[in-house]
Amino acid sequence: MCEHLSELENELKRQGIPETCRGQVWTKNCREWVYFDCYLDIESLRKRFHLPGFIKHHINNDTKSGLEEGFECELCKDAIMGLNRRFRKDDGKRIIR
């Protein structure tokens, strides 16, 4: 995981959030994407971890290719993804703020 997202990744691990997938998941234009079994509060995490502008909010609303939402580093092509908040259910999954 790149230095720009590693602090957030470490926090998710400290909180015991299960990692569901890691690697070059869907294109050669991504390096290491890590998926966590939680919802990410994008606005509060951006402020809390002082994420720079090149860390973009990534969201996928396509029910066929995967419902994900998180942060993508445009410099390093790494990302931290959670579940898509738009499709949030009462499933007991945590919202990380």
Protein backbone atom coordinates (compact mmCIF):
# COMPACT_ATOMS: atom_id res chain seq x y z
CA MET A 1 0.00 0.00 0.00
CA CYS A 2 1.34 3.41 -0.89
CA GLU A 3 2.47 5.86 1.76
CA HIS A 4 -0.54 8.10 1.06
CA LEU A 5 -3.09 5.48 2.14
CA SER A 6 -1.09 3.30 4.52
CA GLU A 7 -2.19 5.16 7.66
CA LEU A 8 -5.85 4.59 6.79
CA GLU A 9 -5.16 0.93 6.02
CA ASN A 10 -3.41 0.49 9.36
CA GLU A 11 -6.35 2.10 11.17
CA LEU A 12 -8.82 -0.28 9.54
CA LYS A 13 -6.65 -3.23 10.56
CA ARG A 14 -6.36 -1.89 14.13
CA GLN A 15 -10.14 -1.75 14.31
CA GLY A 16 -10.34 -5.37 13.22
CA ILE A 17 -12.16 -4.70 9.96
CA PRO A 18 -11.92 -7.83 7.79
CA GLU A 19 -9.99 -7.55 4.54
CA THR A 20 -11.92 -9.24 1.74
CA CYS A 21 -9.59 -8.86 -1.25
CA ARG A 22 -6.12 -7.51 -2.08
CA GLY A 23 -4.16 -7.17 -5.28
CA GLN A 24 -4.31 -5.94 -8.84
CA VAL A 25 -8.01 -6.53 -9.02
CA TRP A 26 -9.44 -5.34 -12.30
CA THR A 27 -7.00 -3.55 -14.60
CA LYS A 28 -3.31 -3.02 -15.21
CA ASN A 29 -3.94 0.64 -14.32
CA CYS A 30 -4.25 -0.31 -10.66
CA ARG A 31 -1.41 -1.55 -8.50
CA GLU A 32 -2.68 -2.69 -5.11
CA TRP A 33 -6.32 -2.34 -4.19
CA VAL A 34 -7.48 -3.51 -0.79
CA TYR A 35 -11.13 -4.13 0.02
CA PHE A 36 -12.52 -3.98 3.55
CA ASP A 37 -15.85 -5.26 4.84
CA CYS A 38 -17.19 -1.93 6.06
CA TYR A 39 -18.58 1.38 4.90
CA LEU A 40 -16.17 4.32 4.70
CA ASP A 41 -17.36 7.80 5.64
CA ILE A 42 -15.46 9.53 2.85
CA GLU A 43 -15.75 13.11 4.08
CA SER A 44 -14.76 12.50 7.69
CA LEU A 45 -11.89 10.14 6.79
CA ARG A 46 -10.52 12.65 4.26
CA LYS A 47 -10.38 15.28 7.02
CA ARG A 48 -9.18 12.94 9.77
CA PHE A 49 -6.26 11.59 7.73
CA HIS A 50 -5.54 14.87 5.90
CA LEU A 51 -5.70 13.14 2.52
CA PRO A 52 -4.25 15.25 -0.32
CA GLY A 53 -6.16 16.20 -3.46
CA PHE A 54 -4.67 13.41 -5.57
CA ILE A 55 -6.45 10.89 -3.32
CA LYS A 56 -9.74 10.67 -5.18
CA HIS A 57 -13.13 9.45 -4.08
CA HIS A 58 -13.83 6.33 -6.11
CA ILE A 59 -17.33 4.92 -6.35
CA ASN A 60 -18.76 2.10 -8.39
CA ASN A 61 -22.56 1.88 -8.56
CA ASP A 62 -22.67 -0.96 -11.10
CA THR A 63 -24.44 -3.94 -9.58
CA LYS A 64 -22.81 -6.25 -12.14
CA SER A 65 -19.15 -5.33 -11.64
CA GLY A 66 -19.24 -4.61 -7.92
CA LEU A 67 -20.55 -2.06 -5.48
CA GLU A 68 -17.55 -0.31 -3.95
CA GLU A 69 -16.62 3.05 -2.53
CA GLY A 70 -13.38 4.36 -1.16
CA PHE A 71 -10.16 6.17 -1.93
CA GLU A 72 -7.86 5.86 -4.93
CA CYS A 73 -4.37 7.35 -5.07
CA GLU A 74 -3.92 8.81 -8.54
CA LEU A 75 -0.13 8.95 -8.11
CA CYS A 76 0.52 5.37 -6.99
CA LYS A 77 -2.58 3.61 -8.39
CA ASP A 78 -3.35 2.05 -5.01
CA ALA A 79 -6.74 2.13 -3.36
CA ILE A 80 -8.66 1.34 -0.20
CA MET A 81 -12.24 0.31 -0.84
CA GLY A 82 -15.20 -0.36 1.34
CA LEU A 83 -18.79 -1.20 0.60
CA ASN A 84 -20.90 1.25 -1.41
CA ARG A 85 -22.91 3.46 0.98
CA ARG A 86 -25.61 4.07 -1.63
CA PHE A 87 -26.63 0.42 -1.32
CA ARG A 88 -26.25 0.24 2.45
CA LYS A 89 -28.42 -2.29 4.19
CA ASP A 90 -29.08 -2.97 7.81
CA ASP A 91 -26.38 -5.60 7.67
CA GLY A 92 -24.48 -4.81 10.85
CA LYS A 93 -21.41 -3.64 8.93
CA ARG A 94 -19.53 -0.78 10.56
CA ILE A 95 -19.26 2.73 9.22
CA ILE A 96 -15.70 3.93 9.71
CA ARG A 97 -15.40 7.64 10.38
